[in-house]
């Protein structure tokens, strides 16, 4: 009888672990969020991790454009908003705030629809429209 309860508890724990591993963190939207966060943090390695191969050079250009300014991210939330062939479309809300000394530029994340593809077993940001 005791073995039966132990097995039930182990099965329950297994389901909890599987549920945690299969969560939203591997979605197209979370990959776009991670890309934007890496961009804001100036993290080249993480930026490349969340970029598709075709977008890596553009990602580095975007990163360079923020090199001389102080940037922050306000209230970002992304969600999948559709499909375009093999591409998953992601819409975000929030803004990037770029401080150029006396000038502040607010970049509204909702002004772009981000494109994500499943490449090499992971979701990756691959441009926008």
N, C-alpha and C. Protein backbone atom coordinates (compact mmCIF):
# COMPACT_ATOMS: atom_id res chain seq x y z
N UNK A 1 0.82 -1.18 0.00
CA UNK A 1 0.00 0.00 0.00
C UNK A 1 0.88 1.26 0.00
N UNK A 2 1.92 1.24 0.78
CA UNK A 2 2.83 2.38 0.85
C UNK A 2 3.51 2.61 -0.50
N UNK A 3 3.88 1.55 -1.18
CA UNK A 3 4.49 1.63 -2.51
C UNK A 3 3.55 2.31 -3.50
N UNK A 4 2.28 2.01 -3.38
CA UNK A 4 1.28 2.61 -4.27
C UNK A 4 1.26 4.14 -4.10
N UNK A 5 1.28 4.62 -2.86
CA UNK A 5 1.29 6.06 -2.60
C UNK A 5 2.57 6.72 -3.10
N UNK A 6 3.68 6.04 -2.94
CA UNK A 6 4.95 6.57 -3.44
C UNK A 6 4.91 6.68 -4.96
N UNK A 7 4.37 5.68 -5.64
CA UNK A 7 4.26 5.72 -7.10
C UNK A 7 3.35 6.86 -7.55
N UNK A 8 2.25 7.05 -6.85
CA UNK A 8 1.33 8.14 -7.20
C UNK A 8 2.03 9.49 -7.04
N UNK A 9 2.77 9.66 -5.97
CA UNK A 9 3.49 10.91 -5.75
C UNK A 9 4.55 11.11 -6.82
N UNK A 10 5.27 10.06 -7.18
CA UNK A 10 6.29 10.17 -8.22
C UNK A 10 5.68 10.53 -9.57
N UNK A 11 4.55 9.93 -9.91
CA UNK A 11 3.87 10.26 -11.17
C UNK A 11 3.43 11.72 -11.16
N UNK A 12 2.90 12.17 -10.04
CA UNK A 12 2.48 13.56 -9.91
C UNK A 12 3.67 14.50 -10.11
N UNK A 13 4.79 14.21 -9.48
CA UNK A 13 5.99 15.04 -9.62
C UNK A 13 6.46 15.03 -11.06
N UNK A 14 6.41 13.88 -11.70
CA UNK A 14 6.81 13.78 -13.11
C UNK A 14 5.95 14.68 -13.99
N UNK A 15 4.64 14.69 -13.76
CA UNK A 15 3.75 15.56 -14.53
C UNK A 15 4.06 17.03 -14.28
N UNK A 16 4.39 17.39 -13.04
CA UNK A 16 4.77 18.77 -12.75
C UNK A 16 6.04 19.17 -13.49
N UNK A 17 7.00 18.28 -13.52
CA UNK A 17 8.26 18.57 -14.22
C UNK A 17 8.02 18.71 -15.72
N UNK A 18 7.26 17.80 -16.27
CA UNK A 18 6.96 17.86 -17.71
C UNK A 18 6.20 19.14 -18.03
N UNK A 19 5.26 19.51 -17.19
CA UNK A 19 4.50 20.75 -17.41
C UNK A 19 5.39 21.97 -17.37
N UNK A 20 6.33 21.98 -16.45
CA UNK A 20 7.25 23.13 -16.34
C UNK A 20 8.16 23.21 -17.54
N UNK A 21 8.60 22.08 -18.06
CA UNK A 21 9.51 22.07 -19.19
C UNK A 21 8.82 22.40 -20.50
N UNK A 22 7.55 22.13 -20.59
CA UNK A 22 6.85 22.37 -21.85
C UNK A 22 6.08 23.68 -21.82
N UNK A 23 6.44 24.57 -20.93
CA UNK A 23 5.74 25.84 -20.78
C UNK A 23 5.96 26.78 -21.95
N UNK A 24 5.57 28.00 -21.76
CA UNK A 24 5.57 29.02 -22.80
C UNK A 24 6.97 29.51 -23.16
N UNK A 25 7.98 29.10 -22.40
CA UNK A 25 9.30 29.67 -22.61
C UNK A 25 9.91 29.32 -23.96
N UNK A 26 9.41 28.29 -24.63
CA UNK A 26 9.96 27.90 -25.92
C UNK A 26 9.07 28.34 -27.07
N UNK A 27 8.21 29.31 -26.84
CA UNK A 27 7.29 29.76 -27.88
C UNK A 27 7.95 30.83 -28.74
N UNK A 28 7.33 31.09 -29.86
CA UNK A 28 7.80 32.15 -30.75
C UNK A 28 7.77 33.49 -30.03
N UNK A 29 6.71 33.76 -29.28
CA UNK A 29 6.60 35.03 -28.57
C UNK A 29 7.69 35.20 -27.52
N UNK A 30 7.97 34.15 -26.77
CA UNK A 30 9.01 34.28 -25.74
C UNK A 30 10.39 34.43 -26.37
N UNK A 31 10.59 33.86 -27.54
CA UNK A 31 11.86 34.03 -28.24
C UNK A 31 12.03 35.48 -28.70
N UNK A 32 10.97 36.08 -29.18
CA UNK A 32 11.02 37.49 -29.59
C UNK A 32 11.29 38.36 -28.36
N UNK A 33 10.62 38.06 -27.25
CA UNK A 33 10.87 38.82 -26.02
C UNK A 33 12.34 38.69 -25.60
N UNK A 34 12.88 37.49 -25.68
CA UNK A 34 14.29 37.28 -25.31
C UNK A 34 15.23 38.02 -26.25
N UNK A 35 14.88 38.06 -27.53
CA UNK A 35 15.67 38.81 -28.51
C UNK A 35 15.69 40.30 -28.14
N UNK A 36 14.52 40.86 -27.88
CA UNK A 36 14.43 42.28 -27.54
C UNK A 36 15.19 42.57 -26.24
N UNK A 37 15.06 41.69 -25.27
CA UNK A 37 15.77 41.87 -24.00
C UNK A 37 17.28 41.84 -24.22
N UNK A 38 17.76 40.91 -25.04
CA UNK A 38 19.20 40.84 -25.34
C UNK A 38 19.65 42.10 -26.08
N UNK A 39 18.81 42.63 -26.95
CA UNK A 39 19.11 43.87 -27.66
C UNK A 39 19.27 45.03 -26.67
N UNK A 40 18.35 45.14 -25.74
CA UNK A 40 18.38 46.20 -24.74
C UNK A 40 19.59 46.05 -23.82
N UNK A 41 19.93 44.81 -23.48
CA UNK A 41 21.05 44.56 -22.57
C UNK A 41 22.41 44.63 -23.26
N UNK A 42 22.40 44.74 -24.59
CA UNK A 42 23.66 44.79 -25.34
C UNK A 42 24.41 43.47 -25.33
N UNK A 43 23.68 42.37 -25.25
CA UNK A 43 24.29 41.05 -25.15
C UNK A 43 24.36 40.39 -26.53
N UNK A 44 25.51 40.49 -27.16
CA UNK A 44 25.70 39.98 -28.52
C UNK A 44 25.48 38.48 -28.60
N UNK A 45 26.01 37.74 -27.65
CA UNK A 45 25.87 36.28 -27.68
C UNK A 45 24.41 35.85 -27.59
N UNK A 46 23.68 36.42 -26.65
CA UNK A 46 22.26 36.08 -26.49
C UNK A 46 21.45 36.55 -27.71
N UNK A 47 21.82 37.68 -28.26
CA UNK A 47 21.13 38.19 -29.44
C UNK A 47 21.27 37.21 -30.59
N UNK A 48 22.46 36.68 -30.78
CA UNK A 48 22.69 35.69 -31.83
C UNK A 48 21.91 34.41 -31.56
N UNK A 49 21.81 34.03 -30.30
CA UNK A 49 21.07 32.82 -29.93
C UNK A 49 19.61 32.93 -30.33
N UNK A 50 19.03 34.11 -30.20
CA UNK A 50 17.61 34.29 -30.48
C UNK A 50 17.34 34.82 -31.89
N UNK A 51 18.36 34.91 -32.73
CA UNK A 51 18.21 35.36 -34.12
C UNK A 51 18.32 34.16 -35.05
N UNK A 52 17.52 34.16 -36.11
CA UNK A 52 17.70 33.14 -37.14
C UNK A 52 18.99 33.47 -37.91
N UNK A 53 19.51 32.49 -38.61
CA UNK A 53 20.77 32.68 -39.33
C UNK A 53 20.69 33.83 -40.33
N UNK A 54 19.57 33.96 -41.00
CA UNK A 54 19.41 35.01 -42.00
C UNK A 54 19.32 36.41 -41.38
N UNK A 55 19.02 36.51 -40.09
CA UNK A 55 18.84 37.80 -39.43
C UNK A 55 20.04 38.22 -38.59
N UNK A 56 21.02 37.36 -38.40
CA UNK A 56 22.11 37.66 -37.47
C UNK A 56 22.85 38.97 -37.79
N UNK A 57 23.15 39.21 -39.05
CA UNK A 57 23.85 40.47 -39.40
C UNK A 57 22.97 41.67 -39.09
N UNK A 58 21.68 41.58 -39.37
CA UNK A 58 20.75 42.68 -39.05
C UNK A 58 20.65 42.88 -37.54
N UNK A 59 20.67 41.80 -36.80
CA UNK A 59 20.61 41.89 -35.34
C UNK A 59 21.82 42.64 -34.81
N UNK A 60 22.98 42.36 -35.36
CA UNK A 60 24.20 43.06 -34.93
C UNK A 60 24.14 44.54 -35.30
N UNK A 61 23.54 44.86 -36.44
CA UNK A 61 23.36 46.26 -36.83
C UNK A 61 22.42 46.97 -35.86
N UNK A 62 21.33 46.29 -35.48
CA UNK A 62 20.40 46.87 -34.51
C UNK A 62 21.11 47.12 -33.18
N UNK A 63 21.89 46.16 -32.76
CA UNK A 63 22.63 46.31 -31.51
C UNK A 63 23.58 47.50 -31.57
N UNK A 64 24.27 47.65 -32.68
CA UNK A 64 25.21 48.76 -32.85
C UNK A 64 24.49 50.11 -32.80
N UNK A 65 23.25 50.14 -33.27
CA UNK A 65 22.51 51.41 -33.26
C UNK A 65 22.19 51.90 -31.86
N UNK A 66 22.22 51.02 -30.88
CA UNK A 66 21.96 51.40 -29.49
C UNK A 66 23.24 51.54 -28.67
N UNK A 67 24.39 51.36 -29.29
CA UNK A 67 25.66 51.33 -28.55
C UNK A 67 25.96 52.64 -27.83
N UNK A 68 25.60 53.76 -28.39
CA UNK A 68 25.99 55.05 -27.82
C UNK A 68 24.90 55.69 -26.97
N UNK A 69 23.83 54.95 -26.70
CA UNK A 69 22.71 55.52 -25.94
C UNK A 69 22.37 54.63 -24.75
N UNK A 70 21.68 55.23 -23.81
CA UNK A 70 21.17 54.47 -22.68
C UNK A 70 19.76 54.01 -23.06
N UNK A 71 19.53 52.70 -23.00
CA UNK A 71 18.22 52.17 -23.40
C UNK A 71 17.59 51.40 -22.24
N UNK A 72 16.28 51.42 -22.24
CA UNK A 72 15.53 50.63 -21.27
C UNK A 72 14.27 50.10 -21.95
N UNK A 73 13.64 49.18 -21.29
CA UNK A 73 12.47 48.52 -21.84
C UNK A 73 11.32 48.69 -20.86
N UNK A 74 10.18 49.14 -21.36
CA UNK A 74 9.01 49.36 -20.50
C UNK A 74 7.83 48.50 -20.93
N UNK A 75 7.34 47.71 -19.99
CA UNK A 75 6.06 46.99 -20.13
C UNK A 75 5.96 46.10 -21.37
N UNK A 76 7.02 45.37 -21.72
CA UNK A 76 6.98 44.52 -22.90
C UNK A 76 6.16 43.26 -22.64
N UNK A 77 5.28 42.97 -23.57
CA UNK A 77 4.56 41.70 -23.60
C UNK A 77 4.36 41.34 -25.06
N UNK A 78 4.65 40.09 -25.39
CA UNK A 78 4.51 39.63 -26.77
C UNK A 78 3.59 38.42 -26.81
N UNK A 79 2.90 38.28 -27.94
CA UNK A 79 2.05 37.11 -28.15
C UNK A 79 1.99 36.79 -29.63
N UNK A 80 1.80 35.52 -29.91
CA UNK A 80 1.67 35.10 -31.30
C UNK A 80 0.38 35.69 -31.86
N UNK A 81 0.49 36.21 -33.10
CA UNK A 81 -0.67 36.88 -33.67
C UNK A 81 -1.08 36.32 -35.03
N UNK A 82 -0.40 35.28 -35.50
CA UNK A 82 -0.79 34.69 -36.77
C UNK A 82 0.34 33.90 -37.39
N UNK A 83 0.08 33.44 -38.60
CA UNK A 83 1.05 32.66 -39.37
C UNK A 83 1.17 33.26 -40.76
N UNK A 84 2.34 33.10 -41.34
CA UNK A 84 2.59 33.48 -42.72
C UNK A 84 3.49 32.40 -43.29
N UNK A 85 2.90 31.34 -43.80
CA UNK A 85 3.67 30.20 -44.26
C UNK A 85 4.34 29.51 -43.08
N UNK A 86 5.66 29.37 -43.12
CA UNK A 86 6.41 28.76 -42.03
C UNK A 86 6.78 29.75 -40.94
N UNK A 87 6.38 31.00 -41.12
CA UNK A 87 6.72 32.06 -40.18
C UNK A 87 5.57 32.28 -39.21
N UNK A 88 5.90 32.39 -37.94
CA UNK A 88 4.91 32.76 -36.93
C UNK A 88 5.05 34.25 -36.67
N UNK A 89 3.94 34.95 -36.72
CA UNK A 89 3.93 36.40 -36.50
C UNK A 89 3.71 36.67 -35.01
N UNK A 90 4.44 37.64 -34.50
CA UNK A 90 4.39 37.97 -33.08
C UNK A 90 4.15 39.48 -32.94
N UNK A 91 3.16 39.84 -32.15
CA UNK A 91 2.87 41.24 -31.86
C UNK A 91 3.26 41.52 -30.42
N UNK A 92 3.83 42.68 -30.20
CA UNK A 92 4.28 43.07 -28.86
C UNK A 92 3.69 44.41 -28.47
N UNK A 93 3.60 44.62 -27.19
CA UNK A 93 3.25 45.92 -26.64
C UNK A 93 4.41 46.37 -25.76
N UNK A 94 4.40 47.61 -25.41
CA UNK A 94 5.48 48.18 -24.61
C UNK A 94 6.34 49.08 -25.48
N UNK A 95 7.45 49.53 -24.90
CA UNK A 95 8.31 50.41 -25.68
C UNK A 95 9.76 50.30 -25.24
N UNK A 96 10.61 50.63 -26.18
CA UNK A 96 12.03 50.80 -25.91
C UNK A 96 12.24 52.29 -25.73
N UNK A 97 12.90 52.67 -24.66
CA UNK A 97 13.19 54.08 -24.40
C UNK A 97 14.68 54.27 -24.59
N UNK A 98 15.03 55.10 -25.58
CA UNK A 98 16.44 55.38 -25.87
C UNK A 98 16.73 56.82 -25.47
N UNK A 99 17.71 56.98 -24.60
CA UNK A 99 18.06 58.29 -24.08
C UNK A 99 19.35 58.75 -24.73
N UNK A 100 19.25 59.79 -25.56
CA UNK A 100 20.38 60.37 -26.26
C UNK A 100 20.82 61.65 -25.57
N UNK A 101 21.10 61.59 -24.29
CA UNK A 101 21.46 62.80 -23.56
C UNK A 101 20.22 63.60 -23.21
N UNK A 102 20.00 64.72 -23.90
CA UNK A 102 18.84 65.56 -23.65
C UNK A 102 17.61 65.11 -24.42
N UNK A 103 17.78 64.20 -25.35
CA UNK A 103 16.67 63.74 -26.19
C UNK A 103 16.30 62.31 -25.82
N UNK A 104 15.00 62.07 -25.70
CA UNK A 104 14.49 60.73 -25.39
C UNK A 104 13.62 60.27 -26.55
N UNK A 105 13.93 59.09 -27.06
CA UNK A 105 13.17 58.50 -28.16
C UNK A 105 12.42 57.30 -27.63
N UNK A 106 11.10 57.29 -27.83
CA UNK A 106 10.27 56.16 -27.44
C UNK A 106 9.96 55.34 -28.68
N UNK A 107 10.37 54.10 -28.68
CA UNK A 107 10.12 53.20 -29.80
C UNK A 107 9.01 52.25 -29.39
N UNK A 108 7.86 52.41 -30.01
CA UNK A 108 6.69 51.61 -29.68
C UNK A 108 6.84 50.21 -30.31
N UNK A 109 6.87 49.18 -29.49
CA UNK A 109 7.02 47.82 -29.99
C UNK A 109 5.81 47.38 -30.82
N UNK A 110 4.67 48.00 -30.62
CA UNK A 110 3.46 47.65 -31.37
C UNK A 110 3.51 48.12 -32.82
N UNK A 111 4.50 48.95 -33.17
CA UNK A 111 4.60 49.45 -34.54
C UNK A 111 5.15 48.41 -35.50
N UNK A 112 5.65 47.30 -34.98
CA UNK A 112 6.21 46.24 -35.83
C UNK A 112 5.54 44.92 -35.51
N UNK A 113 5.42 44.09 -36.53
CA UNK A 113 5.05 42.70 -36.33
C UNK A 113 6.31 41.89 -36.53
N UNK A 114 6.70 41.18 -35.52
CA UNK A 114 7.94 40.41 -35.56
C UNK A 114 7.68 39.06 -36.20
N UNK A 115 8.69 38.56 -36.91
CA UNK A 115 8.60 37.26 -37.55
C UNK A 115 9.51 36.29 -36.82
N UNK A 116 8.98 35.11 -36.52
CA UNK A 116 9.77 34.09 -35.85
C UNK A 116 9.67 32.79 -36.65
N UNK A 117 10.78 32.07 -36.71
CA UNK A 117 10.79 30.78 -37.38
C UNK A 117 11.36 29.74 -36.43
N UNK A 118 11.03 28.49 -36.69
CA UNK A 118 11.57 27.39 -35.91
C UNK A 118 12.79 26.89 -36.66
N UNK A 119 13.96 27.13 -36.10
CA UNK A 119 15.22 26.81 -36.77
C UNK A 119 16.14 26.10 -35.78
N UNK A 120 16.72 25.01 -36.21
CA UNK A 120 17.65 24.24 -35.37
C UNK A 120 17.04 23.85 -34.03
N UNK A 121 15.76 23.50 -34.06
CA UNK A 121 15.08 23.02 -32.85
C UNK A 121 14.64 24.09 -31.88
N UNK A 122 14.72 25.38 -32.28
CA UNK A 122 14.32 26.48 -31.39
C UNK A 122 13.63 27.57 -32.18
N UNK A 123 12.79 28.33 -31.49
CA UNK A 123 12.19 29.52 -32.08
C UNK A 123 13.22 30.63 -32.11
N UNK A 124 13.27 31.35 -33.23
CA UNK A 124 14.22 32.45 -33.38
C UNK A 124 13.55 33.62 -34.08
N UNK A 125 13.90 34.81 -33.64
CA UNK A 125 13.41 36.03 -34.26
C UNK A 125 14.07 36.17 -35.62
N UNK A 126 13.29 36.51 -36.63
CA UNK A 126 13.83 36.53 -37.99
C UNK A 126 13.33 37.73 -38.79
N UNK A 127 13.31 38.89 -38.14
CA UNK A 127 12.91 40.10 -38.84
C UNK A 127 11.54 40.58 -38.44
N UNK A 128 11.07 41.56 -39.16
CA UNK A 128 9.75 42.11 -38.89
C UNK A 128 9.19 42.73 -40.16
N UNK A 129 7.94 43.08 -40.04
CA UNK A 129 7.29 43.77 -41.16
C UNK A 129 6.50 44.94 -40.69
